[in-house]
Amino acid sequence: MKRSIQTFLVFALVMVFSANTFAQGKMSEERKKEMKAKFEVYKQKLNLNEEQSKKVDTINAAYFDGLTTLKNSVESKMEKYKKLKSLNSDRNKQMKNVLTKEQFKIYKEQQQEMKEEFKARRANRE
């Protein structure tokens, strides 16, 4: 069970950073190791029980299916942005129902950290 959660969360983190790596080609081995390490920290901080893990996996699977569909769509950037915001909002609502208040706080902090890291990498790229 831990292995499947671990694999899924690594996939989730990879998807979060996929926009950056997509523009640069395939993800390097170094980047993959970094993502796995971040996943371990994320997993430890949330301290999910087995029931929460299953629910979080389901939520994330639906979220990433939506991201894949969005990525492959031919809609305008603005439409994609609106749908991405909607996907994020739906995911956050579902996560809030599954996680405890403290876990949700940690979840939001982790999201903010990843967002800031993404922005920093993007700024360095330009």
C-alpha atoms as a PDB file:
ATOM      1  CA  MET A   1       0.000   0.000   0.000  1.00  0.00           C
ATOM      2  CA  LYS A   2       2.796   2.424   0.906  1.00  0.00           C
ATOM      3  CA  ARG A   3       4.507   1.692  -2.393  1.00  0.00           C
ATOM      4  CA  SER A   4       1.392   2.549  -4.430  1.00  0.00           C
ATOM      5  CA  ILE A   5       0.865   5.769  -2.464  1.00  0.00           C
ATOM      6  CA  GLN A   6       4.498   6.636  -2.912  1.00  0.00           C
ATOM      7  CA  THR A   7       4.342   5.980  -6.633  1.00  0.00           C
ATOM      8  CA  PHE A   8       1.177   8.019  -6.990  1.00  0.00           C
ATOM      9  CA  LEU A   9       2.533  10.988  -5.068  1.00  0.00           C
ATOM     10  CA  VAL A  10       5.717  10.968  -7.115  1.00  0.00           C
ATOM     11  CA  PHE A  11       3.498  11.062 -10.184  1.00  0.00           C
ATOM     12  CA  ALA A  12       1.539  13.939  -8.654  1.00  0.00           C
ATOM     13  CA  LEU A  13       4.664  15.958  -8.009  1.00  0.00           C
ATOM     14  CA  VAL A  14       5.934  15.239 -11.496  1.00  0.00           C
ATOM     15  CA  MET A  15       2.701  16.601 -12.935  1.00  0.00           C
ATOM     16  CA  VAL A  16       2.985  19.768 -10.875  1.00  0.00           C
ATOM     17  CA  PHE A  17       6.363  20.499 -12.387  1.00  0.00           C
ATOM     18  CA  SER A  18       5.564  19.132 -15.840  1.00  0.00           C
ATOM     19  CA  ALA A  19       5.051  22.548 -17.420  1.00  0.00           C
ATOM     20  CA  ASN A  20       8.668  23.447 -16.757  1.00  0.00           C
ATOM     21  CA  THR A  21      10.089  20.121 -17.837  1.00  0.00           C
ATOM     22  CA  PHE A  22       7.802  19.897 -20.861  1.00  0.00           C
ATOM     23  CA  ALA A  23       9.282  23.111 -22.193  1.00  0.00           C
ATOM     24  CA  GLN A  24      12.786  21.808 -21.637  1.00  0.00           C
ATOM     25  CA  GLY A  25      12.266  18.292 -22.933  1.00  0.00           C
ATOM     26  CA  LYS A  26      12.474  15.112 -20.881  1.00  0.00           C
ATOM     27  CA  MET A  27      13.041  15.209 -17.152  1.00  0.00           C
ATOM     28  CA  SER A  28      16.602  14.547 -16.102  1.00  0.00           C
ATOM     29  CA  GLU A  29      17.499  11.779 -13.677  1.00  0.00           C
ATOM     30  CA  GLU A  30      18.637  14.417 -11.207  1.00  0.00           C
ATOM     31  CA  ARG A  31      15.231  16.087 -11.375  1.00  0.00           C
ATOM     32  CA  LYS A  32      13.475  12.747 -10.858  1.00  0.00           C
ATOM     33  CA  LYS A  33      15.536  12.110  -7.719  1.00  0.00           C
ATOM     34  CA  GLU A  34      14.705  15.581  -6.465  1.00  0.00           C
ATOM     35  CA  MET A  35      10.995  14.947  -7.023  1.00  0.00           C
ATOM     36  CA  LYS A  36      11.140  11.638  -5.131  1.00  0.00           C
ATOM     37  CA  ALA A  37      12.881  13.323  -2.218  1.00  0.00           C
ATOM     38  CA  LYS A  38      10.242  16.062  -2.118  1.00  0.00           C
ATOM     39  CA  PHE A  39       7.540  13.423  -2.161  1.00  0.00           C
ATOM     40  CA  GLU A  40       9.042  11.724   0.887  1.00  0.00           C
ATOM     41  CA  VAL A  41       9.054  14.985   2.817  1.00  0.00           C
ATOM     42  CA  TYR A  42       5.491  15.746   1.706  1.00  0.00           C
ATOM     43  CA  LYS A  43       4.281  12.304   2.747  1.00  0.00           C
ATOM     44  CA  GLN A  44       5.925  12.519   6.146  1.00  0.00           C
ATOM     45  CA  LYS A  45       4.520  15.973   6.828  1.00  0.00           C
ATOM     46  CA  LEU A  46       0.935  14.994   6.034  1.00  0.00           C
ATOM     47  CA  ASN A  47       1.057  11.756   8.063  1.00  0.00           C
ATOM     48  CA  LEU A  48      -1.981  10.229   6.328  1.00  0.00           C
ATOM     49  CA  ASN A  49      -3.790   7.219   7.738  1.00  0.00           C
ATOM     50  CA  GLU A  50      -4.740   4.364   5.408  1.00  0.00           C
ATOM     51  CA  GLU A  51      -8.290   5.619   4.767  1.00  0.00           C
ATOM     52  CA  GLN A  52      -7.032   9.136   4.008  1.00  0.00           C
ATOM     53  CA  SER A  53      -4.371   7.730   1.688  1.00  0.00           C
ATOM     54  CA  LYS A  54      -6.976   5.936  -0.395  1.00  0.00           C
ATOM     55  CA  LYS A  55      -9.172   9.016  -0.622  1.00  0.00           C
ATOM     56  CA  VAL A  56      -6.241  11.291  -1.464  1.00  0.00           C
ATOM     57  CA  ASP A  57      -5.161   8.851  -4.179  1.00  0.00           C
ATOM     58  CA  THR A  58      -8.651   8.973  -5.699  1.00  0.00           C
ATOM     59  CA  ILE A  59      -8.760  12.776  -5.552  1.00  0.00           C
ATOM     60  CA  ASN A  60      -5.310  13.100  -7.106  1.00  0.00           C
ATOM     61  CA  ALA A  61      -6.093  10.552  -9.818  1.00  0.00           C
ATOM     62  CA  ALA A  62      -9.148  12.560 -10.879  1.00  0.00           C
ATOM     63  CA  TYR A  63      -7.115  15.778 -10.727  1.00  0.00           C
ATOM     64  CA  PHE A  64      -4.346  14.416 -12.916  1.00  0.00           C
ATOM     65  CA  ASP A  65      -6.826  12.968 -15.397  1.00  0.00           C
ATOM     66  CA  GLY A  66      -8.219  16.484 -15.669  1.00  0.00           C
ATOM     67  CA  LEU A  67      -4.721  17.923 -16.111  1.00  0.00           C
ATOM     68  CA  THR A  68      -3.937  15.434 -18.861  1.00  0.00           C
ATOM     69  CA  THR A  69      -7.156  16.280 -20.674  1.00  0.00           C
ATOM     70  CA  LEU A  70      -6.438  19.977 -20.272  1.00  0.00           C
ATOM     71  CA  LYS A  71      -2.871  19.636 -21.501  1.00  0.00           C
ATOM     72  CA  ASN A  72      -4.018  17.821 -24.637  1.00  0.00           C
ATOM     73  CA  SER A  73      -6.868  20.211 -25.410  1.00  0.00           C
ATOM     74  CA  VAL A  74      -6.677  22.788 -28.181  1.00  0.00           C
ATOM     75  CA  GLU A  75      -8.448  25.521 -26.243  1.00  0.00           C
ATOM     76  CA  SER A  76      -7.049  29.008 -25.784  1.00  0.00           C
ATOM     77  CA  LYS A  77      -4.591  29.690 -22.987  1.00  0.00           C
ATOM     78  CA  MET A  78      -7.221  31.682 -21.129  1.00  0.00           C
ATOM     79  CA  GLU A  79      -9.731  28.812 -21.285  1.00  0.00           C
ATOM     80  CA  LYS A  80      -7.079  26.372 -20.112  1.00  0.00           C
ATOM     81  CA  TYR A  81      -6.180  28.721 -17.261  1.00  0.00           C
ATOM     82  CA  LYS A  82      -9.831  28.958 -16.170  1.00  0.00           C
ATOM     83  CA  LYS A  83     -10.214  25.192 -16.236  1.00  0.00           C
ATOM     84  CA  LEU A  84      -6.963  24.739 -14.318  1.00  0.00           C
ATOM     85  CA  LYS A  85      -8.228  27.111 -11.623  1.00  0.00           C
ATOM     86  CA  SER A  86     -11.462  25.122 -11.458  1.00  0.00           C
ATOM     87  CA  LEU A  87      -9.580  21.819 -11.182  1.00  0.00           C
ATOM     88  CA  ASN A  88      -7.435  23.238  -8.380  1.00  0.00           C
ATOM     89  CA  SER A  89     -10.459  24.592  -6.547  1.00  0.00           C
ATOM     90  CA  ASP A  90     -12.315  21.279  -6.768  1.00  0.00           C
ATOM     91  CA  ARG A  91      -9.262  19.369  -5.597  1.00  0.00           C
ATOM     92  CA  ASN A  92      -8.728  21.694  -2.645  1.00  0.00           C
ATOM     93  CA  LYS A  93     -12.377  21.346  -1.558  1.00  0.00           C
ATOM     94  CA  GLN A  94     -12.124  17.567  -1.681  1.00  0.00           C
ATOM     95  CA  MET A  95      -8.803  17.550   0.160  1.00  0.00           C
ATOM     96  CA  LYS A  96     -10.260  19.786   2.854  1.00  0.00           C
ATOM     97  CA  ASN A  97     -12.983  17.178   3.452  1.00  0.00           C
ATOM     98  CA  VAL A  98     -10.456  14.334   3.753  1.00  0.00           C
ATOM     99  CA  LEU A  99      -7.636  15.925   5.719  1.00  0.00           C
ATOM    100  CA  THR A 100      -7.676  17.195   9.268  1.00  0.00           C
ATOM    101  CA  LYS A 101      -7.344  20.957   9.759  1.00  0.00           C
ATOM    102  CA  GLU A 102      -3.649  20.580  10.573  1.00  0.00           C
ATOM    103  CA  GLN A 103      -3.007  18.292   7.586  1.00  0.00           C
ATOM    104  CA  PHE A 104      -4.849  20.686   5.284  1.00  0.00           C
ATOM    105  CA  LYS A 105      -2.753  23.567   6.579  1.00  0.00           C
ATOM    106  CA  ILE A 106       0.390  21.555   5.767  1.00  0.00           C
ATOM    107  CA  TYR A 107      -1.046  20.653   2.354  1.00  0.00           C
ATOM    108  CA  LYS A 108      -1.635  24.331   1.525  1.00  0.00           C
ATOM    109  CA  GLU A 109       1.848  25.282   2.764  1.00  0.00           C
ATOM    110  CA  GLN A 110       3.375  22.615   0.532  1.00  0.00           C
ATOM    111  CA  GLN A 111       1.378  23.876  -2.442  1.00  0.00           C
ATOM    112  CA  GLN A 112       2.611  27.408  -1.815  1.00  0.00           C
ATOM    113  CA  GLU A 113       6.225  26.228  -1.543  1.00  0.00           C
ATOM    114  CA  MET A 114       5.958  24.337  -4.833  1.00  0.00           C
ATOM    115  CA  LYS A 115       4.372  27.362  -6.492  1.00  0.00           C
ATOM    116  CA  GLU A 116       7.210  29.607  -5.319  1.00  0.00           C
ATOM    117  CA  GLU A 117       9.846  27.109  -6.482  1.00  0.00           C
ATOM    118  CA  PHE A 118       8.156  26.906  -9.881  1.00  0.00           C
ATOM    119  CA  LYS A 119       8.125  30.693 -10.185  1.00  0.00           C
ATOM    120  CA  ALA A 120      11.794  30.907  -9.214  1.00  0.00           C
ATOM    121  CA  ARG A 121      12.798  28.284 -11.783  1.00  0.00           C
ATOM    122  CA  ARG A 122      10.689  30.009 -14.398  1.00  0.00           C
ATOM    123  CA  ALA A 123      12.308  33.389 -13.629  1.00  0.00           C
ATOM    124  CA  ASN A 124      15.769  31.821 -13.922  1.00  0.00           C
ATOM    125  CA  ARG A 125      14.810  30.378 -17.300  1.00  0.00           C
ATOM    126  CA  GLU A 126      13.901  33.741 -18.812  1.00  0.00           C
END
